[in-house]
Protein backbone atom coordinates (compact mmCIF):
# COMPACT_ATOMS: atom_id res chain seq x y z
CA MET A 1 65.51 56.34 -14.18
CA ALA A 2 66.01 52.56 -14.07
CA ASP A 3 69.65 51.56 -13.81
CA ASP A 4 69.33 49.11 -16.73
CA VAL A 5 67.95 51.63 -19.23
CA THR A 6 70.47 52.67 -21.88
CA PRO A 7 70.23 54.86 -24.98
CA GLN A 8 71.58 52.06 -27.18
CA ARG A 9 68.32 51.36 -29.00
CA LEU A 10 67.76 55.06 -29.64
CA MET A 11 71.24 55.33 -31.12
CA GLN A 12 70.47 52.38 -33.40
CA LEU A 13 67.25 54.08 -34.49
CA GLY A 14 69.21 57.26 -35.14
CA TRP A 15 71.27 55.41 -37.75
CA GLY A 16 68.23 53.74 -39.28
CA TYR A 17 68.61 55.70 -42.51
CA ALA A 18 72.02 54.14 -43.19
CA PRO A 19 71.27 50.49 -44.16
CA PRO A 20 69.06 51.24 -47.20
CA LEU A 21 71.58 53.78 -48.47
CA ILE A 22 74.44 51.32 -47.95
CA LEU A 23 72.48 48.75 -49.94
CA GLU A 24 71.77 51.26 -52.68
CA ALA A 25 75.46 52.18 -52.94
CA ALA A 26 76.43 48.51 -53.16
CA ILE A 27 73.81 47.83 -55.83
CA GLN A 28 74.64 50.90 -57.91
CA THR A 29 78.39 50.25 -57.83
CA GLY A 30 77.87 46.56 -58.62
CA VAL A 31 79.48 45.13 -55.49
CA PHE A 32 77.12 42.15 -55.19
CA ASP A 33 77.42 41.36 -58.90
CA ALA A 34 81.22 41.54 -58.68
CA ILE A 35 81.41 39.12 -55.77
CA ALA A 36 78.95 36.77 -57.47
CA GLY A 37 81.26 36.89 -60.48
CA GLY A 38 84.27 35.76 -58.47
CA ALA A 39 85.78 38.98 -57.06
CA HIS A 40 86.43 38.25 -53.39
CA SER A 41 89.17 40.66 -52.32
CA PRO A 42 88.79 44.43 -51.98
CA GLU A 43 91.26 44.86 -54.84
CA ALA A 44 89.26 42.54 -57.11
CA VAL A 45 85.97 44.23 -56.24
CA GLN A 46 87.56 47.62 -56.87
CA ALA A 47 88.81 46.47 -60.26
CA ALA A 48 85.41 45.01 -61.20
CA THR A 49 83.42 48.06 -60.10
CA GLY A 50 85.78 50.93 -60.87
CA ALA A 51 85.08 52.40 -57.43
CA SER A 52 87.71 53.79 -55.08
CA SER A 53 89.81 51.56 -52.86
CA ARG A 54 88.83 53.51 -49.76
CA GLY A 55 85.14 53.48 -50.63
CA VAL A 56 85.02 49.79 -51.57
CA THR A 57 86.81 48.69 -48.40
CA ALA A 58 84.50 50.69 -46.12
CA LEU A 59 81.41 49.52 -48.02
CA LEU A 60 82.39 45.86 -47.95
CA ASN A 61 82.99 45.97 -44.20
CA ALA A 62 79.69 47.73 -43.57
CA LEU A 63 77.91 45.01 -45.55
CA VAL A 64 79.62 42.42 -43.35
CA GLY A 65 78.29 44.29 -40.33
CA LEU A 66 74.79 44.07 -41.80
CA ASP A 67 75.22 40.28 -42.31
CA LEU A 68 74.85 40.68 -46.06
CA LEU A 69 78.44 39.62 -46.72
CA CYS A 70 80.71 37.14 -44.95
CA LYS A 71 84.43 37.77 -44.45
CA ASP A 72 86.76 34.85 -43.88
CA PRO A 73 90.02 34.98 -41.85
CA ALA A 74 92.01 35.47 -45.06
CA GLY A 75 90.02 38.64 -45.83
CA ALA A 76 87.94 37.22 -48.67
CA TYR A 77 84.35 38.45 -48.99
CA ARG A 78 81.46 36.21 -49.97
CA LEU A 79 77.74 36.76 -50.39
CA GLY A 80 75.41 36.00 -47.50
CA ILE A 81 72.29 34.02 -48.31
CA GLU A 82 70.04 37.10 -48.61
CA ALA A 83 72.46 38.89 -50.93
CA GLU A 84 72.96 35.69 -52.95
CA THR A 85 69.21 35.30 -53.40
CA PHE A 86 67.91 38.85 -53.74
CA LEU A 87 70.70 41.32 -54.60
CA VAL A 88 72.49 39.89 -57.65
CA ARG A 89 71.20 41.33 -60.92
CA GLY A 90 69.65 38.87 -63.34
CA ARG A 91 68.62 36.32 -60.74
CA PRO A 92 64.92 35.46 -60.42
CA GLY A 93 64.55 36.89 -56.93
CA TYR A 94 66.42 40.15 -57.59
CA ARG A 95 64.96 43.03 -55.58
CA GLY A 96 67.74 45.56 -55.66
CA ASP A 97 65.84 48.17 -57.68
CA PHE A 98 63.55 48.73 -54.71
CA PHE A 99 66.40 50.46 -52.87
CA ARG A 100 66.84 52.98 -55.69
CA HIS A 101 63.19 53.88 -55.12
CA VAL A 102 63.88 54.24 -51.39
CA SER A 103 66.85 56.53 -51.90
CA THR A 104 65.52 58.67 -54.74
CA ARG A 105 61.80 58.86 -53.95
CA LEU A 106 61.01 57.90 -50.37
CA ILE A 107 63.85 59.31 -48.27
CA PRO A 108 63.59 62.82 -49.82
CA SER A 109 59.89 62.87 -48.93
CA TRP A 110 60.51 61.62 -45.40
CA LEU A 111 62.73 64.65 -44.77
CA HIS A 112 59.45 66.63 -44.72
CA LEU A 113 57.77 64.43 -42.10
CA THR A 114 57.66 67.05 -39.34
CA GLU A 115 55.92 69.53 -41.61
CA ALA A 116 53.46 66.87 -42.79
CA VAL A 117 52.64 65.90 -39.19
CA ARG A 118 51.99 69.55 -38.33
CA THR A 119 49.83 70.29 -41.37
CA GLY A 120 48.27 66.90 -42.11
CA THR A 121 49.09 67.35 -45.79
CA PRO A 122 51.81 65.73 -47.90
CA PRO A 123 54.63 67.65 -49.59
CA ARG A 124 53.20 66.14 -52.78
CA ALA A 125 50.34 63.71 -53.33
CA VAL A 126 51.10 60.84 -55.68
CA ASN A 127 47.60 59.34 -55.62
CA ARG A 128 46.58 61.76 -58.37
CA GLU A 129 47.48 61.08 -61.99
CA GLU A 130 49.65 64.12 -62.77
CA GLU A 131 52.00 63.61 -59.81
CA GLY A 132 51.55 59.87 -59.47
CA THR A 133 52.33 58.75 -63.01
CA PRO A 134 56.11 59.40 -62.88
CA PHE A 135 56.25 58.13 -59.29
CA PHE A 136 54.56 54.79 -59.96
CA SER A 137 55.78 54.14 -63.50
CA ASP A 138 59.31 54.54 -62.12
CA PHE A 139 59.11 51.79 -59.53
CA VAL A 140 56.15 49.38 -59.89
CA GLU A 141 58.25 46.97 -61.93
CA SER A 142 60.80 46.78 -59.13
CA LEU A 143 58.05 45.50 -56.81
CA PHE A 144 57.23 42.54 -59.06
CA ALA A 145 59.55 40.13 -57.24
CA ASN A 146 58.25 41.30 -53.84
CA ASN A 147 54.65 40.48 -54.72
CA ALA A 148 55.14 37.46 -57.00
CA PRO A 149 55.13 34.83 -54.19
CA GLY A 150 51.85 36.19 -52.83
CA ALA A 151 50.40 36.33 -56.35
CA ARG A 152 51.30 32.69 -56.96
CA ALA A 153 49.70 31.75 -53.63
CA LEU A 154 46.52 33.53 -54.70
CA ALA A 155 46.55 31.71 -58.05
CA ALA A 156 46.95 28.34 -56.31
CA HIS A 157 44.14 29.15 -53.88
CA LEU A 158 41.65 30.29 -56.52
CA ASP A 159 42.64 27.48 -58.95
CA LEU A 160 40.91 29.11 -61.91
CA ALA A 161 42.14 26.34 -64.21
CA ALA A 162 39.76 23.94 -62.47
CA ARG A 163 36.73 26.06 -63.36
CA PRO A 164 34.85 25.47 -66.61
CA GLY A 165 35.14 27.96 -69.43
CA PRO A 166 36.95 31.30 -69.73
CA GLN A 167 37.64 33.27 -66.56
CA SER A 168 37.85 37.05 -66.57
CA VAL A 169 40.19 38.85 -64.15
CA LEU A 170 39.93 42.58 -63.43
CA ASP A 171 43.34 43.94 -62.35
CA LEU A 172 42.75 47.36 -60.78
CA ALA A 173 45.68 49.81 -60.67
CA ALA A 174 47.56 46.98 -62.32
CA GLY A 175 51.06 48.49 -62.24
CA SER A 176 53.42 45.64 -63.13
CA ALA A 177 50.39 43.29 -63.43
CA VAL A 178 52.09 40.88 -61.03
CA TRP A 179 48.81 39.67 -59.54
CA SER A 180 47.00 38.99 -62.79
CA ILE A 181 50.08 37.54 -64.50
CA ALA A 182 50.22 34.82 -61.85
CA LEU A 183 46.53 34.06 -62.38
CA ALA A 184 46.94 33.99 -66.16
CA GLU A 185 50.02 31.78 -66.04
CA ALA A 186 48.21 29.30 -63.80
CA ALA A 187 45.07 29.05 -65.95
CA PRO A 188 45.19 29.12 -69.78
CA LEU A 189 41.59 30.34 -70.15
CA VAL A 190 42.07 33.44 -68.00
CA GLU A 191 41.68 36.77 -69.78
CA VAL A 192 42.60 40.01 -68.01
CA VAL A 193 41.32 43.58 -68.05
CA ALA A 194 44.15 45.72 -66.65
CA VAL A 195 43.24 49.23 -65.49
CA ASP A 196 45.76 51.95 -64.68
CA TRP A 197 46.72 55.49 -65.55
CA GLU A 198 47.67 56.04 -69.17
CA GLY A 199 51.26 56.89 -68.24
CA VAL A 200 51.68 53.69 -66.19
CA LEU A 201 50.23 51.29 -68.77
CA PRO A 202 53.41 51.20 -70.93
CA THR A 203 55.12 49.54 -67.96
CA THR A 204 52.18 47.15 -67.59
CA ARG A 205 52.30 46.26 -71.29
CA ARG A 206 56.06 45.70 -71.20
CA VAL A 207 55.95 43.30 -68.25
CA VAL A 208 52.94 41.42 -69.65
CA ALA A 209 54.72 41.05 -73.00
CA ARG A 210 57.83 39.73 -71.28
CA HIS A 211 55.66 36.95 -69.86
CA GLY A 212 54.17 36.17 -73.27
CA LEU A 213 50.62 37.08 -72.24
CA SER A 214 49.81 40.17 -74.33
CA GLU A 215 47.09 38.45 -76.39
CA ARG A 216 45.15 37.63 -73.23
CA TYR A 217 45.14 41.21 -71.89
CA ARG A 218 43.00 44.23 -72.57
CA PHE A 219 44.37 47.52 -71.22
CA VAL A 220 42.07 50.30 -69.98
CA ALA A 221 43.50 53.75 -69.25
CA GLY A 222 41.89 55.85 -66.57
CA ASP A 223 41.44 56.73 -62.91
CA LEU A 224 39.94 54.14 -60.59
CA ALA A 225 37.06 56.49 -59.80
CA THR A 226 35.93 56.81 -63.41
CA ALA A 227 37.55 54.16 -65.65
CA ALA A 228 35.34 51.56 -67.35
CA PHE A 229 35.71 48.30 -65.41
CA GLY A 230 33.26 46.28 -67.47
CA THR A 231 31.14 43.55 -65.91
CA GLY A 232 31.00 39.80 -65.47
CA HIS A 233 34.51 39.28 -64.08
CA GLN A 234 35.16 36.22 -61.93
CA VAL A 235 38.02 37.85 -60.01
CA ALA A 236 38.96 41.45 -59.16
CA VAL A 237 42.40 42.23 -57.74
CA LEU A 238 43.45 45.28 -55.72
CA GLY A 239 47.17 44.90 -55.06
CA HIS A 240 48.30 47.43 -52.43
CA ILE A 241 45.90 50.16 -53.54
CA LEU A 242 43.50 50.93 -50.69
CA HIS A 243 46.22 52.44 -48.48
CA SER A 244 46.76 55.23 -51.01
CA GLU A 245 43.05 55.93 -51.54
CA GLY A 246 41.83 56.67 -48.03
CA GLU A 247 38.55 55.44 -46.58
CA ALA A 248 36.04 57.36 -48.70
CA ARG A 249 37.65 56.55 -52.05
CA SER A 250 38.30 52.96 -50.96
CA ARG A 251 34.65 52.44 -50.09
CA ALA A 252 33.59 53.85 -53.46
CA LEU A 253 36.15 51.70 -55.26
CA LEU A 254 34.94 48.54 -53.53
CA ARG A 255 31.37 49.32 -54.57
CA ARG A 256 32.51 49.72 -58.18
CA ALA A 257 34.50 46.50 -58.00
CA CYS A 258 31.50 44.60 -56.64
CA ALA A 259 29.34 45.87 -59.49
CA ALA A 260 31.97 44.72 -62.01
CA LEU A 261 32.08 41.14 -60.69
CA ALA A 262 29.83 38.32 -61.81
CA PRO A 263 27.63 36.75 -59.11
CA GLY A 264 29.84 34.50 -57.02
CA GLY A 265 32.97 36.39 -58.07
CA THR A 266 35.85 37.02 -55.68
CA ILE A 267 37.80 40.14 -54.81
CA ALA A 268 41.40 39.79 -53.63
CA ILE A 269 43.04 42.66 -51.75
CA ALA A 270 46.70 42.94 -50.74
CA GLU A 271 47.35 45.39 -47.92
CA PHE A 272 49.71 46.20 -45.07
CA LEU A 273 47.42 45.51 -42.11
CA VAL A 274 47.60 46.96 -38.62
CA ASP A 275 46.10 45.69 -35.39
CA PRO A 276 42.66 47.10 -34.51
CA ASP A 277 44.16 49.11 -31.63
CA ARG A 278 47.01 50.42 -33.83
CA THR A 279 49.81 49.00 -31.67
CA GLY A 280 51.50 46.96 -34.39
CA PRO A 281 52.96 45.60 -36.49
CA PRO A 282 55.67 48.26 -36.93
CA LEU A 283 55.72 48.14 -40.75
CA GLY A 284 52.02 48.86 -41.00
CA LEU A 285 52.25 51.73 -38.52
CA MET A 286 55.24 53.28 -40.27
CA PHE A 287 53.57 52.87 -43.63
CA ALA A 288 50.70 55.04 -42.41
CA LEU A 289 53.24 57.85 -42.10
CA ASN A 290 54.46 57.05 -45.60
CA MET A 291 50.88 57.62 -46.76
CA LEU A 292 50.77 60.90 -44.84
CA LEU A 293 53.81 61.96 -46.87
CA HIS A 294 52.54 60.80 -50.26
CA THR A 295 48.73 60.93 -50.36
CA GLU A 296 45.88 63.24 -49.48
CA ALA A 297 43.94 60.80 -47.28
CA GLY A 298 45.74 57.45 -47.35
CA SER A 299 46.60 55.34 -44.33
CA THR A 300 46.86 51.73 -43.21
CA TYR A 301 43.92 49.78 -41.90
CA SER A 302 42.99 46.72 -39.89
CA PHE A 303 41.30 43.64 -41.28
CA ALA A 304 38.16 44.66 -39.38
CA ASP A 305 38.17 48.06 -41.12
CA ILE A 306 38.44 46.59 -44.60
CA ALA A 307 36.02 43.77 -43.83
CA SER A 308 33.37 46.31 -42.82
CA TRP A 309 33.90 48.26 -46.05
CA LEU A 310 33.55 45.05 -48.04
CA THR A 311 30.27 44.04 -46.43
CA THR A 312 28.88 47.55 -46.87
CA ALA A 313 29.87 47.41 -50.55
CA GLY A 314 27.90 44.18 -51.01
CA PHE A 315 30.48 41.46 -50.44
CA ILE A 316 30.15 38.47 -48.12
CA ARG A 317 32.62 36.23 -46.25
CA PRO A 318 35.59 38.60 -45.79
CA ARG A 319 38.55 36.44 -44.81
CA ILE A 320 42.34 36.43 -44.68
CA LEU A 321 44.50 34.26 -46.90
CA ASP A 322 48.01 33.96 -45.53
CA ALA A 323 50.50 34.48 -48.33
CA PRO A 324 54.27 34.84 -48.56
CA GLY A 325 55.44 38.41 -48.93
CA PRO A 326 55.04 41.71 -47.14
CA ALA A 327 51.30 41.44 -46.44
CA PRO A 328 48.42 38.95 -46.26
CA LEU A 329 45.55 38.86 -48.71
CA ILE A 330 41.93 39.67 -47.93
CA LEU A 331 39.31 37.79 -49.92
CA ALA A 332 35.56 38.32 -50.14
CA ASP A 333 32.83 37.14 -52.48
CA LYS A 334 29.95 38.72 -54.34
CA PRO A 335 26.76 36.84 -53.42
CA ALA A 336 25.77 34.20 -55.96
């Protein structure tokens, strides 16, 4: 064994479960909101949150260790830039609800990883409507802020407002409708067909209404394999869907999407990509295990994989559009 090898990194990995749970505890007890509201001492945070003195003190110090809070020499706690931007309720970039999803939905499933690796089957598959409806309706809205920057980048790139006449957007497995909302907000003549399971569409309707766009949406309930997509759309959007479908269903879905587009129309796909040799990036590789735990055939794929599916489905010019957020976008066109 090399003299400079230590187990330090393994020990850090062993505690990898702790940071998301620390964040969840801070969000649920209102620690970030309290500090944003002017509570800077442990006593003030305790009074604002109603939590225990012992618990608040330990939690505050752990958040300092994670660089989410700063602690001055006088013992006052202040928000770090990430907490200031993303973890205070009511602020535009708030993403705290994602950690409730991690603690209540994801971590319990990951406790069954060994069994899933041995059997190749998930403890429960959420890519089917009966199991998936409560899973997705519970958290898709919390992902809105994560995907909004990428959605706005897509809207700027497509620039539908510069095109003559009405533009129809097909939002497949719409969820919070974050992708189509950005397109509709950027172009007043955009009309959207949003497709999702019947139990998820109330969330879709609520978010669309909050953005004042209900009159420009038509909602279609159904599974992606059988729902009526219509035809003649200028844009089709698949926001983080293919990874849950697996290759066979993804190929079929892309064929259906191509048929629903007008000639010259564009498909936009958001996905966690992996390198062709599956050596990175770490998020994409770990997310493949998340799909093992939650779907029957889902995984993560390389750009080359998805590009080949697109060309087989009838699309041309597969390409990557760099976008802010957790994943790039893949664009392709239906021949004119």
